[in-house]
Amino acid sequence: MQRTNEVAAKLLGVPYESLDERAQKVARHIAERKHIARNIVKEREEKSTRGQRAADRVTAFGGSWLFISLFVLTMVVWIGLNSFVLARYGNRFDPYPYILLNLFLSMLAAIQAPIILMSQNRQTEKDRMSAEHDYEVNLKAELEIMLLHEKMDALREEQWTELLAIQREQITLLKNLLVTKAV
């Protein structure tokens, strides 16, 4: 816990206890040198219920070209069959304005709309979780970059100190050389 307090104070400028849950999680991961990235979608899918997965599949099918093609084909067959019965037998099974067809379409819409809304709610939840995870990953990356900058600055400072010490030693040796040549 001491290391997480140091990370929070050093990198975020506030005590660990005053951080929100996500920032605390990032500070812990930095202190423990653990990765934070994970597959959010896979985790979410593993926790989903059978009904939620069914809603996603219905929505995926309902928003596909296959569904649109089948829907148009059904409408054409319905109208064609109705016209064929009219021409052949002089009677229609669903007279214009196709009340039975409208009933089926209304039932389809009544069933499909809440299922699509459930799937959209799940997608919104996935997007929110993904955005939160992206924030955590980005925050950790930013803090790790700050740590790298500090390390680079420390190395540069150490190199400058060593360079100055070497130059002082060289100046001392040169002075000694001059003194011995002068004698």
Protein backbone atom coordinates (compact mmCIF):
# COMPACT_ATOMS: atom_id res chain seq x y z
CA MET A 1 0.00 0.00 0.00
CA GLN A 2 2.94 2.31 0.65
CA ARG A 3 3.97 2.11 -3.01
CA THR A 4 0.45 3.04 -4.20
CA ASN A 5 0.49 6.09 -1.90
CA GLU A 6 3.83 7.11 -3.41
CA VAL A 7 2.55 6.64 -6.97
CA ALA A 8 -0.60 8.65 -6.28
CA ALA A 9 1.27 11.48 -4.58
CA LYS A 10 4.12 11.58 -7.09
CA LEU A 11 2.20 11.19 -10.35
CA LEU A 12 -1.27 12.45 -9.59
CA GLY A 13 -0.41 14.95 -6.88
CA VAL A 14 -3.07 13.77 -4.44
CA PRO A 15 -3.28 11.13 -1.71
CA TYR A 16 -4.35 7.65 -2.80
CA GLU A 17 -7.49 7.76 -0.63
CA SER A 18 -8.80 10.87 -2.37
CA LEU A 19 -8.68 9.27 -5.84
CA ASP A 20 -11.78 7.85 -7.48
CA GLU A 21 -12.05 4.08 -7.93
CA ARG A 22 -10.65 4.03 -11.47
CA ALA A 23 -7.64 6.20 -10.58
CA GLN A 24 -6.96 4.02 -7.53
CA LYS A 25 -7.05 0.97 -9.77
CA VAL A 26 -4.55 2.58 -12.15
CA ALA A 27 -2.27 3.58 -9.24
CA ARG A 28 -2.37 -0.01 -7.93
CA HIS A 29 -1.51 -1.39 -11.35
CA ILE A 30 1.43 0.99 -11.72
CA ALA A 31 2.71 0.24 -8.21
CA GLU A 32 2.43 -3.51 -8.76
CA ARG A 33 3.81 -3.25 -12.34
CA LYS A 34 0.79 -5.13 -13.74
CA HIS A 35 -0.88 -4.64 -17.10
CA ILE A 36 -4.34 -3.12 -17.16
CA ALA A 37 -5.54 -3.92 -20.69
CA ARG A 38 -8.13 -6.65 -21.07
CA ASN A 39 -10.84 -7.76 -23.50
CA ILE A 40 -13.96 -5.96 -22.25
CA VAL A 41 -16.23 -7.36 -24.97
CA LYS A 42 -15.29 -10.96 -24.16
CA GLU A 43 -15.85 -10.41 -20.44
CA ARG A 44 -19.23 -8.82 -21.12
CA GLU A 45 -20.31 -11.64 -23.44
CA GLU A 46 -19.41 -14.26 -20.85
CA LYS A 47 -21.72 -12.57 -18.33
CA SER A 48 -24.66 -12.09 -20.71
CA THR A 49 -27.85 -14.10 -20.33
CA ARG A 50 -29.46 -16.27 -22.99
CA GLY A 51 -32.16 -13.63 -23.54
CA GLN A 52 -29.58 -10.88 -24.01
CA ARG A 53 -27.65 -12.94 -26.55
CA ALA A 54 -30.94 -13.72 -28.36
CA ALA A 55 -31.81 -10.01 -28.44
CA ASP A 56 -28.41 -9.26 -29.99
CA ARG A 57 -28.92 -11.94 -32.64
CA VAL A 58 -32.46 -10.73 -33.46
CA THR A 59 -31.17 -7.17 -33.76
CA ALA A 60 -28.26 -8.28 -35.93
CA PHE A 61 -30.67 -10.16 -38.21
CA GLY A 62 -33.28 -7.37 -38.18
CA GLY A 63 -30.66 -4.87 -39.33
CA SER A 64 -29.26 -7.01 -42.13
CA TRP A 65 -29.74 -7.03 -45.87
CA LEU A 66 -30.94 -10.62 -45.57
CA PHE A 67 -33.86 -9.46 -43.41
CA ILE A 68 -34.68 -6.62 -45.80
CA SER A 69 -34.53 -9.00 -48.76
CA LEU A 70 -36.76 -11.56 -47.04
CA PHE A 71 -39.14 -8.81 -45.99
CA VAL A 72 -39.44 -7.47 -49.56
CA LEU A 73 -39.78 -11.01 -50.90
CA THR A 74 -42.57 -11.75 -48.40
CA MET A 75 -44.40 -8.56 -49.39
CA VAL A 76 -44.09 -9.37 -53.11
CA VAL A 77 -45.24 -12.98 -52.57
CA TRP A 78 -48.16 -11.83 -50.39
CA ILE A 79 -49.34 -9.29 -52.94
CA GLY A 80 -48.66 -11.69 -55.85
CA LEU A 81 -50.53 -14.53 -54.17
CA ASN A 82 -53.41 -12.20 -53.38
CA SER A 83 -53.50 -11.04 -57.04
CA PHE A 84 -53.29 -14.64 -58.29
CA VAL A 85 -56.24 -15.70 -56.14
CA LEU A 86 -58.18 -12.66 -57.37
CA ALA A 87 -57.45 -13.42 -61.04
CA ARG A 88 -58.04 -17.16 -60.76
CA TYR A 89 -61.00 -17.34 -58.41
CA GLY A 90 -62.37 -13.82 -58.45
CA ASN A 91 -61.86 -13.59 -54.72
CA ARG A 92 -59.11 -12.30 -52.43
CA PHE A 93 -57.98 -13.77 -49.12
CA ASP A 94 -56.73 -10.34 -47.94
CA PRO A 95 -58.57 -7.57 -49.81
CA TYR A 96 -56.97 -4.19 -50.38
CA PRO A 97 -55.70 -2.35 -48.20
CA TYR A 98 -54.28 -5.69 -47.01
CA ILE A 99 -55.58 -5.58 -43.46
CA LEU A 100 -54.20 -9.02 -42.56
CA LEU A 101 -50.78 -8.07 -43.92
CA ASN A 102 -50.89 -4.83 -41.89
CA LEU A 103 -51.78 -6.87 -38.80
CA PHE A 104 -48.75 -9.13 -39.32
CA LEU A 105 -46.47 -6.13 -39.94
CA SER A 106 -47.76 -4.41 -36.79
CA MET A 107 -47.15 -7.55 -34.76
CA LEU A 108 -43.65 -7.84 -36.19
CA ALA A 109 -42.91 -4.21 -35.30
CA ALA A 110 -44.42 -4.62 -31.83
CA ILE A 111 -42.19 -7.61 -31.11
CA GLN A 112 -39.09 -6.33 -32.86
CA ALA A 113 -39.00 -2.82 -31.34
CA PRO A 114 -38.48 -3.79 -27.67
CA ILE A 115 -35.94 -6.44 -28.66
CA ILE A 116 -33.97 -3.85 -30.63
CA LEU A 117 -34.18 -1.44 -27.69
CA MET A 118 -32.83 -4.13 -25.33
CA SER A 119 -29.94 -4.76 -27.69
CA GLN A 120 -29.25 -1.03 -28.02
CA ASN A 121 -29.19 -0.72 -24.24
CA ARG A 122 -26.67 -3.56 -24.08
CA GLN A 123 -24.58 -1.90 -26.78
CA THR A 124 -24.67 1.37 -24.87
CA GLU A 125 -23.49 -0.45 -21.75
CA LYS A 126 -20.68 -2.09 -23.75
CA ASP A 127 -19.65 1.29 -25.15
CA ARG A 128 -19.66 2.85 -21.66
CA MET A 129 -17.54 0.03 -20.25
CA SER A 130 -15.18 0.26 -23.19
CA ALA A 131 -14.83 4.02 -22.72
CA GLU A 132 -14.09 3.57 -19.01
CA HIS A 133 -11.51 0.92 -19.79
CA ASP A 134 -9.94 3.13 -22.46
CA TYR A 135 -9.71 5.92 -19.87
CA GLU A 136 -7.92 3.59 -17.43
CA VAL A 137 -5.49 2.38 -20.09
CA ASN A 138 -4.81 5.92 -21.30
CA LEU A 139 -4.29 7.21 -17.75
CA LYS A 140 -1.88 4.38 -16.99
CA ALA A 141 0.00 5.01 -20.24
CA GLU A 142 0.24 8.71 -19.46
CA LEU A 143 1.55 8.02 -15.96
CA GLU A 144 4.03 5.44 -17.23
CA ILE A 145 5.30 8.00 -19.76
CA MET A 146 5.73 10.48 -16.93
CA LEU A 147 7.76 7.87 -15.01
CA LEU A 148 9.91 7.26 -18.08
CA HIS A 149 10.53 11.00 -18.44
CA GLU A 150 11.61 11.14 -14.80
CA LYS A 151 13.98 8.22 -15.31
CA MET A 152 15.44 9.82 -18.42
CA ASP A 153 15.89 13.13 -16.57
CA ALA A 154 17.60 11.32 -13.67
CA LEU A 155 19.92 9.50 -16.07
CA ARG A 156 20.78 12.74 -17.86
CA GLU A 157 21.44 14.48 -14.55
CA GLU A 158 23.66 11.59 -13.45
CA GLN A 159 25.57 11.73 -16.74
CA TRP A 160 26.11 15.47 -16.41
CA THR A 161 27.41 14.98 -12.86
CA GLU A 162 29.80 12.27 -14.04
CA LEU A 163 30.92 14.42 -16.97
CA LEU A 164 31.64 17.36 -14.66
CA ALA A 165 33.60 15.08 -12.31
CA ILE A 166 35.66 13.77 -15.25
CA GLN A 167 36.32 17.32 -16.47
CA ARG A 168 37.43 18.41 -13.00
CA GLU A 169 39.79 15.43 -12.85
CA GLN A 170 41.15 16.30 -16.30
CA ILE A 171 41.71 19.92 -15.26
CA THR A 172 43.52 18.74 -12.14
CA LEU A 173 45.71 16.41 -14.21
CA LEU A 174 46.44 19.18 -16.70
CA LYS A 175 47.42 21.55 -13.88
CA ASN A 176 49.71 18.87 -12.43
CA LEU A 177 51.21 18.32 -15.89
CA LEU A 178 51.84 22.03 -16.31
CA VAL A 179 53.44 22.26 -12.88
CA THR A 180 55.73 19.31 -13.60
CA LYS A 181 56.72 20.75 -17.01
CA ALA A 182 57.41 24.12 -15.47
CA VAL A 183 59.79 22.61 -12.99
